[in-house]
Every structure is written in C-alpha cells, then in structure tokens.
Amino acid sequence: MFQRDYFMRMIEQMTEAVGQIMNLRRQRKHEEALLYIDDLLEKRFRLSSKLVRSLSDEDLMKMMTTNGVAETGQLEAIAVLTAQEARLYDDLRRVDESYAAGLKALQLFVRLSLLGAEPAIMDPREQIGKLLKKLSPYELPVPTKRLLIEWHEAEGQYDLAENIMHELLEDRELNPEEAEEVYRRMLLQSDERLRAGGLPREEVEQALQALAKG
C-alpha cells in the first residue's frame, strides 16, 4: 500500500513537473526550465542532468533496481525529464547536449518497453518513435543499436531489426553467430507475424543461408 501511494504521488508530481517545464518553454524561459529539471533530479533521485547523460543506461538501471526488481516508475520519470531536457537544448541550438539527452532518453524508454512497463507518465513506444526521428541524422552508438535490435525484435519489427544487424555485421560489431540466433528466434514465429513484421519466412531462411556461406 505504501509503495503504491508513493508511486501515485510520484506520477502526480512528474505530471505537474512536465506541465511546468512545457509552460516555461512556451515562455521561452529555457534556462529556468533546465535548472528546474536539474533541481528535480537532485531532490528526487540524487542525480544531476549531467550525471544522467554521463552514466550508461545499464548503470542507471542498476541504480534504480531494488532486490532485483527495476523501479520502472523512477526510470520513467528520469527518461521523461531527460527527454524534456533534450527538447529545451534543441530550442537553444545546443546540439551536443540535445543529442546526449535525447540518446539517454531513448535508451531508457527502450529499456522500459523491454521490461513491459505500463506507461505511467508517457507511453514509452510513442516516445521511442519521436526520439528515433529526432536522432535519425546521427550515427547511433553500437550498444544502442544492439539494444534497438532487441527492441525491434520484441515489437515484431523484424525488417528494422535486420537492417540494424546488417549495419553491425558490415562494421564487424556483430558476429554472425549472434545474427544467426536472432534469425532462428524469428523462425519460431508464425508466417503471419513474420509477414506483418516485414520479413517473410523465406527471407529469414535466405539470410541464414547467406550467413552460413560467410
């Protein structure tokens, strides 16, 4: 009961916070909004915006995990605030900081989606779509691409998972054995699901044959 009350209070506070940030953004008080986000991260999670951007998504996951259970509400709150931060930096044309914040928000929302977390403040899938569009001009880091392969596969977006696998195979950042495992998992899906995911069974089988030939 206590945990649920805490969770609901946090959702309410974060929803109000997003409203406040958006209001400051409309008033063009971007620096004030950034300070507000930093203060909120410090008070709620003992983190700073700079620290959130510098830590890996895996490290943040570990920090927000208690007794082996991820605190998805806290992760979502950090992801939401970091995504808002990216938009503010965008407005200020501070490209490097906008990219770093957007990338971190993307990683956290993908992690939340893979955990099957119910949306409390914002829908992770919707945010992932927006952030992927925002980051499309950039070359994403290899760990993020690997994470996206996992997410696209989980979402049944098999053609998109394959596109990233091809990139990593060409760059020798993914070994053929790893790609083979993904394709073999795809073969366990129904023909209908594979077709819906843009990768019919025959194409998966052809890809496996191509890998075998080297």
N, C-alpha and C. Protein backbone atom coordinates (compact mmCIF):
# COMPACT_ATOMS: atom_id res chain seq x y z
N MET A 1 0.83 -1.20 0.00
CA MET A 1 0.00 0.00 0.00
C MET A 1 0.87 1.26 0.00
N PHE A 2 1.91 1.24 0.85
CA PHE A 2 2.82 2.39 0.93
C PHE A 2 3.51 2.61 -0.41
N GLN A 3 3.98 1.50 -1.03
CA GLN A 3 4.68 1.62 -2.31
C GLN A 3 3.76 2.19 -3.38
N ARG A 4 2.50 1.73 -3.39
CA ARG A 4 1.56 2.23 -4.39
C ARG A 4 1.29 3.72 -4.18
N ASP A 5 1.11 4.13 -2.93
CA ASP A 5 0.88 5.55 -2.63
C ASP A 5 2.07 6.39 -3.08
N TYR A 6 3.28 5.88 -2.82
CA TYR A 6 4.50 6.58 -3.22
C TYR A 6 4.54 6.71 -4.74
N PHE A 7 4.21 5.60 -5.43
CA PHE A 7 4.23 5.57 -6.89
C PHE A 7 3.23 6.58 -7.45
N MET A 8 2.04 6.60 -6.90
CA MET A 8 0.99 7.51 -7.40
C MET A 8 1.38 8.96 -7.16
N ARG A 9 1.99 9.24 -6.00
CA ARG A 9 2.43 10.61 -5.70
C ARG A 9 3.51 11.05 -6.69
N MET A 10 4.41 10.12 -7.01
CA MET A 10 5.49 10.45 -7.93
C MET A 10 4.93 10.74 -9.32
N ILE A 11 3.96 9.93 -9.76
CA ILE A 11 3.33 10.17 -11.07
C ILE A 11 2.69 11.55 -11.10
N GLU A 12 1.96 11.87 -10.04
CA GLU A 12 1.29 13.17 -9.97
C GLU A 12 2.31 14.30 -10.01
N GLN A 13 3.41 14.15 -9.25
CA GLN A 13 4.43 15.19 -9.21
C GLN A 13 5.13 15.34 -10.56
N MET A 14 5.41 14.21 -11.22
CA MET A 14 6.09 14.27 -12.51
C MET A 14 5.18 14.84 -13.59
N THR A 15 3.91 14.52 -13.53
CA THR A 15 2.95 15.09 -14.49
C THR A 15 2.89 16.60 -14.34
N GLU A 16 2.85 17.06 -13.08
CA GLU A 16 2.86 18.50 -12.81
C GLU A 16 4.18 19.12 -13.29
N ALA A 17 5.28 18.39 -13.08
CA ALA A 17 6.60 18.89 -13.48
C ALA A 17 6.68 19.09 -14.99
N VAL A 18 6.17 18.11 -15.74
CA VAL A 18 6.18 18.23 -17.21
C VAL A 18 5.36 19.44 -17.65
N GLY A 19 4.22 19.65 -17.00
CA GLY A 19 3.41 20.82 -17.30
C GLY A 19 4.15 22.11 -17.04
N GLN A 20 4.88 22.14 -15.93
CA GLN A 20 5.67 23.33 -15.57
C GLN A 20 6.78 23.57 -16.58
N ILE A 21 7.45 22.49 -16.99
CA ILE A 21 8.54 22.61 -17.97
C ILE A 21 8.00 23.13 -19.31
N MET A 22 6.88 22.57 -19.74
CA MET A 22 6.27 23.00 -21.01
C MET A 22 5.84 24.45 -20.94
N ASN A 23 5.35 24.87 -19.79
CA ASN A 23 4.92 26.26 -19.61
C ASN A 23 6.12 27.20 -19.69
N LEU A 24 7.22 26.82 -19.04
CA LEU A 24 8.44 27.64 -19.10
C LEU A 24 8.99 27.69 -20.53
N ARG A 25 8.86 26.56 -21.23
CA ARG A 25 9.33 26.51 -22.62
C ARG A 25 8.52 27.46 -23.50
N ARG A 26 7.20 27.47 -23.28
CA ARG A 26 6.34 28.38 -24.06
C ARG A 26 6.70 29.84 -23.79
N GLN A 27 7.12 30.11 -22.55
CA GLN A 27 7.51 31.48 -22.17
C GLN A 27 8.96 31.79 -22.58
N ARG A 28 9.59 30.83 -23.24
CA ARG A 28 10.98 30.96 -23.67
C ARG A 28 11.96 31.12 -22.49
N LYS A 29 11.58 30.55 -21.37
CA LYS A 29 12.45 30.56 -20.19
C LYS A 29 13.20 29.23 -20.12
N HIS A 30 13.99 28.99 -21.14
CA HIS A 30 14.64 27.69 -21.29
C HIS A 30 15.66 27.41 -20.18
N GLU A 31 16.46 28.38 -19.86
CA GLU A 31 17.48 28.18 -18.82
C GLU A 31 16.81 27.90 -17.48
N GLU A 32 15.72 28.59 -17.22
CA GLU A 32 14.98 28.37 -15.98
C GLU A 32 14.41 26.94 -15.94
N ALA A 33 13.92 26.49 -17.09
CA ALA A 33 13.38 25.13 -17.19
C ALA A 33 14.47 24.09 -16.97
N LEU A 34 15.66 24.34 -17.51
CA LEU A 34 16.77 23.40 -17.34
C LEU A 34 17.19 23.32 -15.87
N LEU A 35 17.23 24.46 -15.21
CA LEU A 35 17.56 24.48 -13.78
C LEU A 35 16.49 23.74 -12.97
N TYR A 36 15.25 23.89 -13.39
CA TYR A 36 14.13 23.21 -12.71
C TYR A 36 14.29 21.69 -12.83
N ILE A 37 14.65 21.21 -14.02
CA ILE A 37 14.86 19.77 -14.24
C ILE A 37 16.01 19.27 -13.37
N ASP A 38 17.11 20.02 -13.37
CA ASP A 38 18.28 19.61 -12.60
C ASP A 38 17.95 19.54 -11.11
N ASP A 39 17.21 20.52 -10.64
CA ASP A 39 16.82 20.56 -9.23
C ASP A 39 15.91 19.38 -8.88
N LEU A 40 15.00 19.06 -9.79
CA LEU A 40 14.08 17.95 -9.57
C LEU A 40 14.82 16.61 -9.52
N LEU A 41 15.77 16.44 -10.44
CA LEU A 41 16.56 15.20 -10.45
C LEU A 41 17.37 15.06 -9.16
N GLU A 42 17.90 16.17 -8.67
CA GLU A 42 18.69 16.15 -7.43
C GLU A 42 17.80 15.80 -6.24
N LYS A 43 16.64 16.43 -6.15
CA LYS A 43 15.76 16.21 -5.00
C LYS A 43 15.15 14.82 -5.00
N ARG A 44 14.74 14.33 -6.18
CA ARG A 44 14.03 13.05 -6.26
C ARG A 44 14.97 11.85 -6.31
N PHE A 45 16.08 12.01 -7.03
CA PHE A 45 16.92 10.83 -7.30
C PHE A 45 18.39 11.01 -6.94
N ARG A 46 18.74 12.17 -6.39
CA ARG A 46 20.14 12.47 -6.07
C ARG A 46 21.04 12.34 -7.29
N LEU A 47 20.52 12.83 -8.40
CA LEU A 47 21.25 12.83 -9.66
C LEU A 47 21.24 14.24 -10.23
N SER A 48 22.17 14.50 -11.13
CA SER A 48 22.15 15.75 -11.89
C SER A 48 21.92 15.41 -13.36
N SER A 49 21.50 16.40 -14.12
CA SER A 49 21.30 16.17 -15.56
C SER A 49 22.60 15.69 -16.21
N LYS A 50 23.70 16.33 -15.82
CA LYS A 50 25.00 15.97 -16.39
C LYS A 50 25.36 14.53 -16.05
N LEU A 51 25.08 14.11 -14.82
CA LEU A 51 25.39 12.74 -14.41
C LEU A 51 24.53 11.73 -15.15
N VAL A 52 23.24 12.05 -15.33
CA VAL A 52 22.34 11.16 -16.07
C VAL A 52 22.87 10.94 -17.48
N ARG A 53 23.32 12.02 -18.13
CA ARG A 53 23.83 11.90 -19.50
C ARG A 53 25.14 11.13 -19.56
N SER A 54 25.93 11.21 -18.48
CA SER A 54 27.25 10.56 -18.50
C SER A 54 27.19 9.08 -18.13
N LEU A 55 26.19 8.68 -17.33
CA LEU A 55 26.06 7.28 -16.95
C LEU A 55 25.48 6.46 -18.10
N SER A 56 25.87 5.20 -18.19
CA SER A 56 25.25 4.33 -19.19
C SER A 56 23.84 3.98 -18.75
N ASP A 57 23.03 3.57 -19.72
CA ASP A 57 21.66 3.17 -19.38
C ASP A 57 21.69 1.95 -18.45
N GLU A 58 22.69 1.09 -18.61
CA GLU A 58 22.81 -0.08 -17.74
C GLU A 58 23.10 0.34 -16.30
N ASP A 59 23.97 1.35 -16.15
CA ASP A 59 24.28 1.84 -14.80
C ASP A 59 23.04 2.45 -14.15
N LEU A 60 22.28 3.22 -14.92
CA LEU A 60 21.06 3.82 -14.38
C LEU A 60 20.04 2.75 -14.00
N MET A 61 19.98 1.69 -14.81
CA MET A 61 19.09 0.57 -14.50
C MET A 61 19.47 -0.05 -13.16
N LYS A 62 20.78 -0.25 -12.96
CA LYS A 62 21.25 -0.85 -11.71
C LYS A 62 20.93 0.04 -10.51
N MET A 63 21.09 1.34 -10.71
CA MET A 63 20.83 2.28 -9.62
C MET A 63 19.35 2.30 -9.23
N MET A 64 18.49 2.03 -10.22
CA MET A 64 17.05 2.07 -9.99
C MET A 64 16.46 0.67 -9.83
N THR A 65 17.28 -0.27 -9.38
CA THR A 65 16.83 -1.64 -9.16
C THR A 65 16.99 -1.99 -7.69
N THR A 66 15.93 -2.51 -7.09
CA THR A 66 15.95 -2.89 -5.67
C THR A 66 15.58 -4.36 -5.54
N ASN A 67 16.47 -5.13 -4.90
CA ASN A 67 16.23 -6.57 -4.71
C ASN A 67 15.89 -7.27 -6.03
N GLY A 68 16.60 -6.86 -7.09
CA GLY A 68 16.42 -7.50 -8.39
C GLY A 68 15.22 -7.02 -9.18
N VAL A 69 14.47 -6.04 -8.63
CA VAL A 69 13.27 -5.54 -9.31
C VAL A 69 13.50 -4.09 -9.74
N ALA A 70 13.36 -3.83 -11.03
CA ALA A 70 13.57 -2.48 -11.55
C ALA A 70 12.44 -1.55 -11.10
N GLU A 71 12.81 -0.40 -10.60
CA GLU A 71 11.83 0.63 -10.22
C GLU A 71 11.43 1.38 -11.48
N THR A 72 10.48 0.82 -12.22
CA THR A 72 10.14 1.37 -13.53
C THR A 72 9.57 2.78 -13.46
N GLY A 73 8.87 3.08 -12.38
CA GLY A 73 8.33 4.43 -12.22
C GLY A 73 9.43 5.47 -12.15
N GLN A 74 10.49 5.15 -11.41
CA GLN A 74 11.61 6.08 -11.29
C GLN A 74 12.36 6.19 -12.61
N LEU A 75 12.54 5.06 -13.28
CA LEU A 75 13.21 5.07 -14.58
C LEU A 75 12.43 5.91 -15.58
N GLU A 76 11.10 5.75 -15.56
CA GLU A 76 10.28 6.52 -16.49
C GLU A 76 10.37 8.01 -16.18
N ALA A 77 10.36 8.36 -14.90
CA ALA A 77 10.46 9.77 -14.52
C ALA A 77 11.77 10.38 -15.04
N ILE A 78 12.88 9.65 -14.88
CA ILE A 78 14.17 10.13 -15.36
C ILE A 78 14.17 10.24 -16.88
N ALA A 79 13.58 9.25 -17.55
CA ALA A 79 13.50 9.27 -19.02
C ALA A 79 12.69 10.46 -19.50
N VAL A 80 11.56 10.71 -18.85
CA VAL A 80 10.69 11.83 -19.23
C VAL A 80 11.41 13.16 -19.05
N LEU A 81 12.05 13.35 -17.90
CA LEU A 81 12.76 14.60 -17.65
C LEU A 81 13.91 14.81 -18.63
N THR A 82 14.60 13.72 -18.96
CA THR A 82 15.73 13.81 -19.88
C THR A 82 15.25 14.12 -21.30
N ALA A 83 14.11 13.56 -21.69
CA ALA A 83 13.54 13.88 -22.99
C ALA A 83 13.13 15.34 -23.08
N GLN A 84 12.55 15.86 -21.98
CA GLN A 84 12.19 17.28 -21.94
C GLN A 84 13.45 18.16 -22.05
N GLU A 85 14.49 17.71 -21.39
CA GLU A 85 15.76 18.43 -21.43
C GLU A 85 16.28 18.50 -22.87
N ALA A 86 16.18 17.39 -23.60
CA ALA A 86 16.65 17.35 -24.99
C ALA A 86 15.91 18.38 -25.84
N ARG A 87 14.60 18.52 -25.61
CA ARG A 87 13.81 19.49 -26.38
C ARG A 87 14.24 20.92 -26.06
N LEU A 88 14.53 21.17 -24.81
CA LEU A 88 14.98 22.51 -24.41
C LEU A 88 16.32 22.85 -25.07
N TYR A 89 17.24 21.89 -25.05
CA TYR A 89 18.53 22.12 -25.70
C TYR A 89 18.38 22.30 -27.20
N ASP A 90 17.42 21.59 -27.78
CA ASP A 90 17.10 21.75 -29.20
C ASP A 90 16.73 23.20 -29.49
N ASP A 91 15.82 23.73 -28.68
CA ASP A 91 15.38 25.11 -28.86
C ASP A 91 16.54 26.08 -28.76
N LEU A 92 17.49 25.77 -27.86
CA LEU A 92 18.64 26.65 -27.63
C LEU A 92 19.76 26.41 -28.65
N ARG A 93 19.54 25.44 -29.55
CA ARG A 93 20.55 25.08 -30.56
C ARG A 93 21.86 24.60 -29.94
N ARG A 94 21.72 23.98 -28.79
CA ARG A 94 22.89 23.38 -28.14
C ARG A 94 22.91 21.90 -28.54
N VAL A 95 23.47 21.68 -29.72
CA VAL A 95 23.32 20.41 -30.43
C VAL A 95 23.89 19.23 -29.65
N ASP A 96 25.10 19.37 -29.12
CA ASP A 96 25.75 18.24 -28.44
C ASP A 96 24.95 17.80 -27.21
N GLU A 97 24.47 18.78 -26.44
CA GLU A 97 23.71 18.44 -25.23
C GLU A 97 22.34 17.87 -25.58
N SER A 98 21.74 18.39 -26.65
CA SER A 98 20.45 17.86 -27.10
C SER A 98 20.59 16.41 -27.53
N TYR A 99 21.67 16.12 -28.27
CA TYR A 99 21.92 14.74 -28.71
C TYR A 99 22.12 13.81 -27.53
N ALA A 100 22.96 14.23 -26.57
CA ALA A 100 23.28 13.38 -25.41
C ALA A 100 22.02 13.09 -24.59
N ALA A 101 21.20 14.12 -24.37
CA ALA A 101 19.98 13.93 -23.59
C ALA A 101 18.97 13.08 -24.35
N GLY A 102 18.84 13.34 -25.64
CA GLY A 102 17.91 12.56 -26.46
C GLY A 102 18.30 11.09 -26.53
N LEU A 103 19.59 10.84 -26.66
CA LEU A 103 20.08 9.46 -26.71
C LEU A 103 19.80 8.73 -25.40
N LYS A 104 20.06 9.41 -24.28
CA LYS A 104 19.84 8.78 -22.97
C LYS A 104 18.35 8.49 -22.77
N ALA A 105 17.51 9.44 -23.14
CA ALA A 105 16.06 9.23 -23.02
C ALA A 105 15.62 8.04 -23.88
N LEU A 106 16.14 7.96 -25.10
CA LEU A 106 15.81 6.84 -25.98
C LEU A 106 16.19 5.51 -25.33
N GLN A 107 17.41 5.42 -24.84
CA GLN A 107 17.87 4.18 -24.21
C GLN A 107 16.98 3.77 -23.05
N LEU A 108 16.60 4.74 -22.22
CA LEU A 108 15.78 4.43 -21.05
C LEU A 108 14.37 4.01 -21.44
N PHE A 109 13.79 4.69 -22.43
CA PHE A 109 12.44 4.31 -22.88
C PHE A 109 12.45 2.92 -23.51
N VAL A 110 13.53 2.59 -24.24
CA VAL A 110 13.64 1.24 -24.82
C VAL A 110 13.72 0.20 -23.70
N ARG A 111 14.53 0.49 -22.70
CA ARG A 111 14.64 -0.43 -21.55
C ARG A 111 13.28 -0.63 -20.89
N LEU A 112 12.54 0.46 -20.71
CA LEU A 112 11.21 0.37 -20.09
C LEU A 112 10.27 -0.47 -20.93
N SER A 113 10.32 -0.28 -22.24
CA SER A 113 9.45 -1.04 -23.14
C SER A 113 9.80 -2.53 -23.09
N LEU A 114 11.10 -2.84 -23.06
CA LEU A 114 11.53 -4.24 -23.00
C LEU A 114 11.12 -4.90 -21.67
N LEU A 115 11.04 -4.08 -20.63
CA LEU A 115 10.60 -4.60 -19.32
C LEU A 115 9.09 -4.79 -19.27
N GLY A 116 8.40 -4.28 -20.30
CA GLY A 116 6.94 -4.39 -20.31
C GLY A 116 6.28 -3.46 -19.32
N ALA A 117 6.96 -2.34 -19.00
CA ALA A 117 6.43 -1.41 -18.01
C ALA A 117 5.17 -0.71 -18.54
N GLU A 118 4.15 -0.66 -17.71
CA GLU A 118 2.93 0.05 -18.07
C GLU A 118 3.21 1.56 -18.06
N PRO A 119 2.79 2.29 -19.10
CA PRO A 119 3.02 3.74 -19.13
C PRO A 119 2.35 4.42 -17.94
N ALA A 120 3.11 5.22 -17.22
CA ALA A 120 2.55 5.95 -16.08
C ALA A 120 2.46 7.45 -16.40
N ILE A 121 3.47 7.96 -17.07
CA ILE A 121 3.50 9.38 -17.41
C ILE A 121 3.41 9.57 -18.92
N MET A 122 4.24 8.83 -19.66
CA MET A 122 4.23 8.89 -21.12
C MET A 122 4.40 7.47 -21.66
N ASP A 123 3.85 7.23 -22.84
CA ASP A 123 3.94 5.91 -23.46
C ASP A 123 5.35 5.71 -24.02
N PRO A 124 6.10 4.72 -23.50
CA PRO A 124 7.46 4.51 -24.00
C PRO A 124 7.54 4.33 -25.51
N ARG A 125 6.61 3.58 -26.10
CA ARG A 125 6.66 3.33 -27.55
C ARG A 125 6.52 4.63 -28.34
N GLU A 126 5.60 5.46 -27.90
CA GLU A 126 5.41 6.75 -28.58
C GLU A 126 6.65 7.61 -28.47
N GLN A 127 7.25 7.64 -27.29
CA GLN A 127 8.46 8.43 -27.08
C GLN A 127 9.64 7.88 -27.88
N ILE A 128 9.72 6.56 -27.98
CA ILE A 128 10.80 5.94 -28.77
C ILE A 128 10.70 6.38 -30.22
N GLY A 129 9.48 6.38 -30.76
CA GLY A 129 9.27 6.81 -32.14
C GLY A 129 9.72 8.24 -32.36
N LYS A 130 9.36 9.13 -31.44
CA LYS A 130 9.74 10.54 -31.56
C LYS A 130 11.25 10.72 -31.45
N LEU A 131 11.86 9.99 -30.52
CA LEU A 131 13.30 10.14 -30.31
C LEU A 131 14.11 9.53 -31.45
N LEU A 132 13.63 8.43 -32.02
CA LEU A 132 14.31 7.86 -33.18
C LEU A 132 14.29 8.83 -34.35
N LYS A 133 13.17 9.52 -34.52
CA LYS A 133 13.06 10.52 -35.58
C LYS A 133 14.02 11.68 -35.32
N LYS A 134 14.07 12.13 -34.06
CA LYS A 134 14.96 13.23 -33.69
C LYS A 134 16.42 12.86 -33.91
N LEU A 135 16.77 11.62 -33.60
CA LEU A 135 18.17 11.19 -33.67
C LEU A 135 18.55 10.61 -35.04
N SER A 136 17.61 10.58 -35.97
CA SER A 136 17.86 9.95 -37.28
C SER A 136 19.05 10.54 -38.04
N PRO A 137 19.38 11.83 -37.88
CA PRO A 137 20.55 12.34 -38.61
C PRO A 137 21.89 11.84 -38.07
N TYR A 138 21.87 11.21 -36.90
CA TYR A 138 23.11 10.82 -36.22
C TYR A 138 23.38 9.32 -36.37
N GLU A 139 24.66 8.99 -36.27
CA GLU A 139 25.08 7.60 -36.18
C GLU A 139 25.02 7.19 -34.71
N LEU A 140 24.14 6.27 -34.40
CA LEU A 140 23.96 5.88 -33.00
C LEU A 140 25.10 4.97 -32.54
N PRO A 141 25.43 5.00 -31.25
CA PRO A 141 26.49 4.12 -30.72
C PRO A 141 26.12 2.65 -30.89
N VAL A 142 27.13 1.82 -30.97
CA VAL A 142 26.91 0.38 -31.16
C VAL A 142 26.03 -0.23 -30.07
N PRO A 143 26.28 0.06 -28.77
CA PRO A 143 25.41 -0.53 -27.74
C PRO A 143 23.93 -0.15 -27.92
N THR A 144 23.68 1.07 -28.39
CA THR A 144 22.30 1.50 -28.61
C THR A 144 21.70 0.74 -29.79
N LYS A 145 22.48 0.53 -30.83
CA LYS A 145 22.00 -0.24 -31.98
C LYS A 145 21.67 -1.68 -31.56
N ARG A 146 22.52 -2.26 -30.72
CA ARG A 146 22.25 -3.61 -30.24
C ARG A 146 20.95 -3.65 -29.42
N LEU A 147 20.76 -2.63 -28.61
CA LEU A 147 19.54 -2.54 -27.81
C LEU A 147 18.32 -2.41 -28.72
N LEU A 148 18.46 -1.65 -29.80
CA LEU A 148 17.35 -1.46 -30.74
C LEU A 148 17.02 -2.74 -31.51
N ILE A 149 18.03 -3.56 -31.79
CA ILE A 149 17.76 -4.86 -32.42
C ILE A 149 16.83 -5.66 -31.52
N GLU A 150 17.17 -5.70 -30.24
CA GLU A 150 16.36 -6.44 -29.27
C GLU A 150 14.94 -5.88 -29.20
N TRP A 151 14.84 -4.54 -29.22
CA TRP A 151 13.52 -3.92 -29.11
C TRP A 151 12.68 -4.16 -30.37
N HIS A 152 13.29 -3.95 -31.54
CA HIS A 152 12.55 -4.17 -32.79
C HIS A 152 12.07 -5.62 -32.89
N GLU A 153 12.91 -6.54 -32.46
CA GLU A 153 12.51 -7.95 -32.48
C GLU A 153 11.32 -8.17 -31.54
N ALA A 154 11.40 -7.62 -30.33
CA ALA A 154 10.32 -7.77 -29.36
C ALA A 154 9.02 -7.15 -29.86
N GLU A 155 9.13 -6.08 -30.65
CA GLU A 155 7.96 -5.39 -31.19
C GLU A 155 7.44 -6.04 -32.47
N GLY A 156 8.13 -7.07 -32.94
CA GLY A 156 7.72 -7.72 -34.18
C GLY A 156 8.09 -6.92 -35.42
N GLN A 157 9.04 -6.01 -35.29
CA GLN A 157 9.50 -5.19 -36.41
C GLN A 157 10.78 -5.84 -36.97
N TYR A 158 10.60 -6.99 -37.58
CA TYR A 158 11.74 -7.83 -37.93
C TYR A 158 12.60 -7.22 -39.03
N ASP A 159 11.98 -6.51 -39.96
CA ASP A 159 12.77 -5.89 -41.03
C ASP A 159 13.69 -4.80 -40.47
N LEU A 160 13.20 -4.05 -39.48
CA LEU A 160 14.03 -3.00 -38.88
C LEU A 160 15.17 -3.60 -38.05
N ALA A 161 14.87 -4.71 -37.36
CA ALA A 161 15.93 -5.41 -36.62
C ALA A 161 17.00 -5.90 -37.60
N GLU A 162 16.57 -6.43 -38.72
CA GLU A 162 17.53 -6.94 -39.71
C GLU A 162 18.38 -5.81 -40.29
N ASN A 163 17.77 -4.65 -40.55
CA ASN A 163 18.53 -3.52 -41.09
C ASN A 163 19.70 -3.15 -40.18
N ILE A 164 19.43 -3.11 -38.89
CA ILE A 164 20.50 -2.74 -37.94
C ILE A 164 21.53 -3.87 -37.86
N MET A 165 21.06 -5.12 -37.92
CA MET A 165 22.01 -6.24 -37.91
C MET A 165 22.96 -6.16 -39.09
N HIS A 166 22.44 -5.82 -40.27
CA HIS A 166 23.29 -5.69 -41.46
C HIS A 166 24.36 -4.63 -41.25
N GLU A 167 23.96 -3.49 -40.67
CA GLU A 167 24.92 -2.42 -40.38
C GLU A 167 26.04 -2.92 -39.48
N LEU A 168 25.65 -3.59 -38.41
CA LEU A 168 26.65 -4.04 -37.43
C LEU A 168 27.52 -5.17 -37.98
N LEU A 169 26.93 -6.03 -38.80
CA LEU A 169 27.72 -7.10 -39.42
C LEU A 169 28.76 -6.50 -40.37
N GLU A 170 28.36 -5.49 -41.14
CA GLU A 170 29.30 -4.84 -42.07
C GLU A 170 30.43 -4.15 -41.31
N ASP A 171 30.08 -3.59 -40.16
CA ASP A 171 31.09 -2.89 -39.36
C ASP A 171 31.85 -3.84 -38.42
N ARG A 172 31.52 -5.12 -38.48
CA ARG A 172 32.13 -6.16 -37.63
C ARG A 172 31.92 -5.87 -36.14
N GLU A 173 30.77 -5.31 -35.84
CA GLU A 173 30.37 -5.05 -34.45
C GLU A 173 29.35 -6.08 -33.97
N LEU A 174 28.98 -6.99 -34.86
CA LEU A 174 28.08 -8.09 -34.53
C LEU A 174 28.62 -9.32 -35.22
N ASN A 175 28.79 -10.41 -34.48
CA ASN A 175 29.34 -11.59 -35.15
C ASN A 175 28.20 -12.42 -35.76
N PRO A 176 28.51 -13.21 -36.79
CA PRO A 176 27.47 -13.98 -37.48
C PRO A 176 26.67 -14.90 -36.57
N GLU A 177 27.32 -15.43 -35.53
CA GLU A 177 26.62 -16.32 -34.60
C GLU A 177 25.48 -15.58 -33.88
N GLU A 178 25.75 -14.33 -33.52
CA GLU A 178 24.71 -13.53 -32.85
C GLU A 178 23.55 -13.26 -33.79
N ALA A 179 23.87 -12.93 -35.04
CA ALA A 179 22.81 -12.69 -36.03
C ALA A 179 22.01 -13.96 -36.28
N GLU A 180 22.70 -15.08 -36.32
CA GLU A 180 22.02 -16.36 -36.54
C GLU A 180 21.01 -16.64 -35.43
N GLU A 181 21.38 -16.35 -34.19
CA GLU A 181 20.47 -16.56 -33.06
C GLU A 181 19.18 -15.76 -33.23
N VAL A 182 19.33 -14.51 -33.70
CA VAL A 182 18.16 -13.66 -33.90
C VAL A 182 17.27 -14.24 -34.99
N TYR A 183 17.87 -14.62 -36.10
CA TYR A 183 17.09 -15.19 -37.21
C TYR A 183 16.38 -16.49 -36.78
N ARG A 184 17.06 -17.30 -35.99
CA ARG A 184 16.44 -18.57 -35.56
C ARG A 184 15.26 -18.31 -34.62
N ARG A 185 15.36 -17.27 -33.81
CA ARG A 185 14.20 -16.89 -32.98
C ARG A 185 13.04 -16.42 -33.86
N MET A 186 13.38 -15.72 -34.93
CA MET A 186 12.33 -15.27 -35.85
C MET A 186 11.60 -16.45 -36.48
N LEU A 187 12.33 -17.50 -36.78
CA LEU A 187 11.72 -18.68 -37.42
C LEU A 187 10.71 -19.37 -36.50
N LEU A 188 10.77 -19.08 -35.22
CA LEU A 188 9.81 -19.65 -34.28
C LEU A 188 8.46 -18.94 -34.34
N GLN A 189 8.42 -17.79 -35.03
CA GLN A 189 7.19 -17.03 -35.15
C GLN A 189 6.32 -17.58 -36.28
N SER A 190 5.05 -17.22 -36.25
CA SER A 190 4.13 -17.66 -37.30
C SER A 190 4.42 -16.93 -38.60
N ASP A 191 3.99 -17.51 -39.71
CA ASP A 191 4.16 -16.87 -41.01
C ASP A 191 3.48 -15.50 -41.03
N GLU A 192 2.31 -15.43 -40.42
CA GLU A 192 1.56 -14.16 -40.41
C GLU A 192 2.34 -13.07 -39.67
N ARG A 193 2.91 -13.44 -38.52
CA ARG A 193 3.65 -12.44 -37.74
C ARG A 193 4.92 -12.01 -38.48
N LEU A 194 5.58 -12.93 -39.13
CA LEU A 194 6.78 -12.58 -39.90
C LEU A 194 6.44 -11.65 -41.05
N ARG A 195 5.36 -11.96 -41.77
CA ARG A 195 4.96 -11.09 -42.87
C ARG A 195 4.58 -9.70 -42.36
N ALA A 196 3.86 -9.66 -41.25
CA ALA A 196 3.47 -8.38 -40.66
C ALA A 196 4.70 -7.58 -40.23
N GLY A 197 5.76 -8.29 -39.86
CA GLY A 197 6.99 -7.64 -39.43
C GLY A 197 7.93 -7.30 -40.57
N GLY A 198 7.45 -7.50 -41.81
CA GLY A 198 8.23 -7.09 -42.97
C GLY A 198 9.34 -8.04 -43.37
N LEU A 199 9.32 -9.27 -42.83
CA LEU A 199 10.38 -10.22 -43.14
C LEU A 199 9.78 -11.63 -43.27
N PRO A 200 9.27 -11.97 -44.45
CA PRO A 200 8.66 -13.29 -44.64
C PRO A 200 9.64 -14.42 -44.34
N ARG A 201 9.10 -15.58 -44.04
CA ARG A 201 9.92 -16.73 -43.64
C ARG A 201 11.01 -17.05 -44.66
N GLU A 202 10.68 -16.99 -45.94
CA GLU A 202 11.68 -17.35 -46.96
C GLU A 202 12.88 -16.39 -46.91
N GLU A 203 12.63 -15.13 -46.57
CA GLU A 203 13.74 -14.17 -46.48
C GLU A 203 14.60 -14.45 -45.25
N VAL A 204 13.97 -14.88 -44.16
CA VAL A 204 14.74 -15.25 -42.97
C VAL A 204 15.62 -16.46 -43.28
N GLU A 205 15.04 -17.44 -43.96
CA GLU A 205 15.81 -18.65 -44.32
C GLU A 205 16.97 -18.31 -45.27
N GLN A 206 16.70 -17.40 -46.22
CA GLN A 206 17.76 -16.97 -47.14
C GLN A 206 18.89 -16.26 -46.38
N ALA A 207 18.52 -15.46 -45.40
CA ALA A 207 19.52 -14.76 -44.59
C ALA A 207 20.39 -15.74 -43.82
N LEU A 208 19.77 -16.79 -43.29
CA LEU A 208 20.52 -17.81 -42.56
C LEU A 208 21.48 -18.54 -43.49
N GLN A 209 21.04 -18.83 -44.70
CA GLN A 209 21.90 -19.49 -45.68
C GLN A 209 23.09 -18.61 -46.04
N ALA A 210 22.82 -17.31 -46.18
CA ALA A 210 23.90 -16.37 -46.53
C ALA A 210 24.93 -16.30 -45.41
N LEU A 211 24.47 -16.33 -44.16
CA LEU A 211 25.39 -16.33 -43.03
C LEU A 211 26.24 -17.60 -43.01
N ALA A 212 25.61 -18.70 -43.31
CA ALA A 212 26.33 -19.99 -43.30
C ALA A 212 27.44 -20.01 -44.36
N LYS A 213 27.19 -19.35 -45.49
CA LYS A 213 28.18 -19.31 -46.56
C LYS A 213 29.31 -18.33 -46.23
N GLY A 214 29.01 -17.42 -45.27
CA GLY A 214 30.04 -16.45 -44.89
C GLY A 214 30.14 -15.31 -45.88
